[in-house]
Protein backbone atom coordinates (compact mmCIF):
# COMPACT_ATOMS: atom_id res chain seq x y z
CA MET A 1 32.78 -11.33 -97.92
CA THR A 2 33.31 -7.80 -96.91
CA LYS A 3 31.77 -6.03 -94.07
CA CYS A 4 31.02 -2.23 -93.72
CA LYS A 5 29.55 -0.02 -91.21
CA ASN A 6 26.10 0.57 -90.32
CA VAL A 7 23.93 1.29 -92.56
CA LEU A 8 22.32 5.27 -92.54
CA ILE A 9 18.77 5.59 -92.72
CA THR A 10 16.46 7.97 -92.65
CA GLY A 11 13.06 7.28 -92.60
CA LEU A 12 9.82 10.03 -93.46
CA LEU A 13 6.64 9.06 -93.18
CA PHE A 14 4.10 10.94 -95.25
CA THR A 15 0.54 12.47 -96.33
CA VAL A 16 -1.94 9.52 -96.19
CA ALA A 17 -2.55 7.24 -99.37
CA MET A 18 -3.06 4.16 -100.72
CA THR A 19 -1.07 2.01 -101.78
CA SER A 20 -2.18 -1.41 -104.13
CA GLY A 21 -2.16 -4.60 -103.45
CA PHE A 22 -1.52 -3.96 -99.68
CA SER A 23 -3.59 -2.58 -97.09
CA GLN A 24 -1.35 -0.33 -95.73
CA GLN A 25 -2.52 3.53 -95.58
CA SER A 26 0.24 6.02 -94.74
CA ILE A 27 3.38 6.53 -97.51
CA HIS A 28 6.74 5.81 -96.55
CA THR A 29 10.00 6.70 -97.98
CA VAL A 30 13.64 5.01 -96.65
CA GLU A 31 16.80 6.77 -97.94
CA ILE A 32 19.90 5.03 -97.78
CA GLU A 33 23.61 5.87 -98.14
CA ALA A 34 24.84 3.77 -100.95
CA GLU A 35 28.63 3.44 -98.85
CA SER A 36 27.07 2.46 -95.41
CA PHE A 37 25.90 -1.57 -96.96
CA SER A 38 26.11 -4.19 -94.87
CA ARG A 39 28.16 -7.02 -96.34
CA GLN A 40 29.68 -8.02 -100.12
CA SER A 41 29.22 -11.07 -101.59
CA LYS A 42 30.30 -13.00 -104.95
CA ASP A 43 33.00 -10.01 -105.73
CA ASP A 44 35.25 -12.34 -106.94
CA VAL A 45 35.35 -11.25 -110.47
CA ARG A 46 33.94 -7.49 -109.51
CA LYS A 47 33.81 -5.86 -106.24
CA TRP A 48 32.13 -2.66 -105.17
CA TYR A 49 34.51 -0.21 -104.00
CA VAL A 50 34.02 3.47 -101.32
CA LYS A 51 35.49 6.17 -103.34
CA SER A 52 35.30 9.85 -102.80
CA ASP A 53 33.83 12.66 -104.64
CA PRO A 54 32.69 16.21 -102.63
CA ASN A 55 29.79 16.14 -105.07
CA ALA A 56 28.37 13.17 -103.57
CA SER A 57 26.26 12.66 -100.62
CA ASN A 58 28.12 12.66 -97.50
CA GLN A 59 31.33 13.36 -100.32
CA LYS A 60 31.27 9.26 -100.69
CA TYR A 61 29.64 6.65 -103.30
CA ILE A 62 30.53 3.16 -104.08
CA GLN A 63 32.00 1.63 -107.62
CA ILE A 64 31.85 -1.41 -109.35
CA LEU A 65 35.09 -2.10 -110.42
CA PRO A 66 37.49 -3.61 -112.55
CA ASP A 67 35.58 -0.74 -115.33
CA THR A 68 36.60 -2.58 -118.25
CA ARG A 69 33.61 -2.03 -121.07
CA VAL A 70 34.07 2.00 -120.87
CA THR A 71 32.21 2.14 -124.37
CA HIS A 72 30.37 0.03 -126.63
CA ASP A 73 33.56 -0.78 -128.57
CA ASP A 74 35.03 -2.86 -125.69
CA LYS A 75 34.35 -6.25 -125.81
CA LEU A 76 31.17 -7.05 -123.67
CA ILE A 77 32.33 -10.58 -121.88
CA ALA A 78 29.00 -12.25 -119.90
CA GLY A 79 30.19 -13.10 -116.13
CA THR A 80 32.80 -10.56 -116.64
CA ASN A 81 31.95 -6.91 -117.00
CA PHE A 82 28.20 -7.80 -117.73
CA SER A 83 25.60 -9.90 -116.26
CA ASN A 84 21.40 -9.30 -117.37
CA THR A 85 21.24 -12.18 -114.40
CA PRO A 86 19.72 -10.48 -111.19
CA GLY A 87 21.79 -11.51 -108.00
CA GLN A 88 24.68 -13.16 -110.15
CA MET A 89 27.74 -10.96 -109.82
CA ALA A 90 29.13 -8.15 -106.97
CA ILE A 91 25.86 -8.28 -104.59
CA ILE A 92 25.92 -5.50 -102.29
CA SER A 93 23.57 -6.07 -99.54
CA TYR A 94 22.19 -3.29 -96.70
CA ASP A 95 20.28 -4.21 -93.68
CA VAL A 96 17.14 -1.77 -93.64
CA GLU A 97 14.53 -1.04 -91.20
CA ILE A 98 11.16 -1.11 -93.08
CA PRO A 99 8.64 0.21 -91.21
CA GLU A 100 5.47 -1.32 -92.48
CA PRO A 101 4.71 -3.58 -95.82
CA GLY A 102 3.78 -2.26 -98.92
CA ARG A 103 4.74 -2.16 -102.33
CA TYR A 104 8.77 -0.42 -102.74
CA TYR A 105 9.49 1.77 -105.68
CA VAL A 106 13.42 1.76 -105.77
CA TRP A 107 15.24 4.73 -107.17
CA ALA A 108 19.38 5.43 -106.92
CA ARG A 109 21.12 7.96 -107.30
CA VAL A 110 23.95 7.34 -109.52
CA PHE A 111 26.75 8.55 -111.84
CA SER A 112 27.04 6.87 -115.56
CA SER A 113 29.64 8.40 -118.02
CA GLY A 114 28.03 6.32 -121.33
CA SER A 115 26.11 3.84 -122.46
CA GLU A 116 27.75 0.72 -120.81
CA ASP A 117 28.08 1.62 -116.96
CA ASN A 118 24.24 2.72 -116.65
CA GLY A 119 22.90 -0.47 -115.57
CA LEU A 120 21.97 -2.44 -111.73
CA HIS A 121 19.50 -5.11 -110.30
CA VAL A 122 17.96 -4.88 -106.93
CA GLY A 123 16.55 -7.84 -104.91
CA VAL A 124 15.61 -8.03 -101.30
CA ASP A 125 16.11 -11.03 -98.81
CA GLY A 126 17.53 -13.16 -101.46
CA GLN A 127 15.44 -13.16 -104.04
CA TRP A 128 15.96 -11.59 -107.23
CA PRO A 129 12.29 -10.33 -108.74
CA GLU A 130 11.55 -9.22 -112.11
CA SER A 131 10.75 -5.83 -111.15
CA GLY A 132 13.71 -5.13 -109.94
CA ALA A 133 15.76 -6.23 -112.63
CA ARG A 134 17.52 -3.98 -115.05
CA LEU A 135 17.38 -0.21 -113.60
CA GLN A 136 18.42 1.97 -116.34
CA TRP A 137 19.74 5.37 -116.41
CA CYS A 138 20.27 7.22 -120.16
CA GLU A 139 19.14 10.96 -118.45
CA GLY A 140 22.04 12.77 -116.67
CA LYS A 141 24.89 11.89 -118.24
CA ASN A 142 28.40 12.85 -116.31
CA GLN A 143 26.69 14.19 -112.91
CA TRP A 144 24.47 12.43 -109.74
CA PHE A 145 21.31 11.86 -111.27
CA TYR A 146 18.42 10.03 -109.38
CA ASP A 147 15.92 8.17 -111.75
CA SER A 148 13.81 4.79 -111.46
CA LYS A 149 13.25 2.80 -114.45
CA GLN A 150 13.30 -0.43 -115.78
CA ARG A 151 15.33 -1.32 -119.32
CA THR A 152 12.68 -3.41 -121.28
CA ASN A 153 12.52 -4.90 -124.84
CA GLU A 154 10.24 -1.71 -125.81
CA VAL A 155 12.21 1.00 -124.34
CA HIS A 156 15.72 0.03 -123.68
CA CYS A 157 16.52 3.37 -122.00
CA GLY A 158 13.70 2.38 -119.66
CA GLU A 159 10.15 2.82 -118.25
CA PRO A 160 8.74 4.16 -115.16
CA TYR A 161 6.78 2.74 -112.43
CA LEU A 162 8.43 -0.69 -113.18
CA ILE A 163 11.11 -1.10 -110.24
CA TYR A 164 9.83 -2.00 -107.11
CA LEU A 165 10.03 -4.71 -104.17
CA ASP A 166 7.37 -6.02 -102.81
CA ILE A 167 7.51 -6.49 -99.06
CA GLU A 168 4.83 -8.03 -96.78
CA GLU A 169 6.22 -7.90 -93.65
CA LYS A 170 7.46 -5.11 -91.44
CA GLY A 171 10.47 -5.53 -89.95
CA MET A 172 14.16 -5.62 -91.14
CA HIS A 173 14.84 -6.45 -94.42
CA GLU A 174 18.30 -7.01 -96.51
CA ILE A 175 17.90 -4.96 -99.83
CA GLN A 176 20.53 -5.65 -102.16
CA PHE A 177 22.36 -4.41 -105.92
CA SER A 178 23.75 -7.06 -107.79
CA MET A 179 25.74 -5.81 -111.16
CA ARG A 180 24.83 -5.27 -114.87
CA GLU A 181 27.85 -3.24 -115.86
CA ASP A 182 30.72 -2.77 -114.31
CA GLY A 183 32.05 0.68 -113.91
CA ILE A 184 28.70 2.26 -112.23
CA LYS A 185 28.93 4.64 -109.27
CA MET A 186 26.24 4.85 -106.90
CA ASP A 187 25.93 7.45 -104.52
CA LYS A 188 22.27 6.72 -102.19
CA PHE A 189 18.91 4.86 -103.16
CA LEU A 190 15.53 5.07 -101.80
CA LEU A 191 12.82 3.14 -101.26
CA THR A 192 9.23 5.24 -101.21
CA THR A 193 5.66 3.14 -101.45
CA ASN A 194 4.24 6.63 -103.15
CA ARG A 195 3.94 5.75 -107.02
CA ASP A 196 3.90 8.68 -107.96
CA PHE A 197 7.08 9.95 -105.85
CA LYS A 198 8.75 12.85 -107.67
CA ILE A 199 12.59 13.97 -106.88
CA GLN A 200 14.35 17.14 -108.26
CA ASN A 201 17.88 16.39 -109.28
């Protein structure tokens, strides 16, 4: 288990709007630096490492290493360089103060250089819902790029509005990411109750 410094959180309260399925009225957005994780687990095969890049936020990011499946020609080995099961490998956790209950859509800023380093899973408090499985990045190759799409059988490059966490109580929660594909780099992530949230890359 690896520990790191306390999570860096920027919480912003936005205009009034309804969030489907919850009584909350206000839109909340919380942004977290990826390198400010609280702990790692299930990291005996693959592990997150803090790296430097002047183009990343705070000039730091995290990456799952080693990276042995760089191209489609490299062998896919389930349980080693690939995991389609959320919460199975290379879990990184963040202690995040959630301002209000609600459905929080998850956006992440990642750097993907190919088709084999563009997938993650997200969960909360040790639970890995289907709505947090298979975050996928096809756009924005070879640059830091924010997106929120879920890979489906119908759309392999991902569908919007499907990646979210339902959090029923405000307060401290453990937001977690786990490996789908090794080699992926993450700079920061964002939770928002605004389903129609847009970000300028």
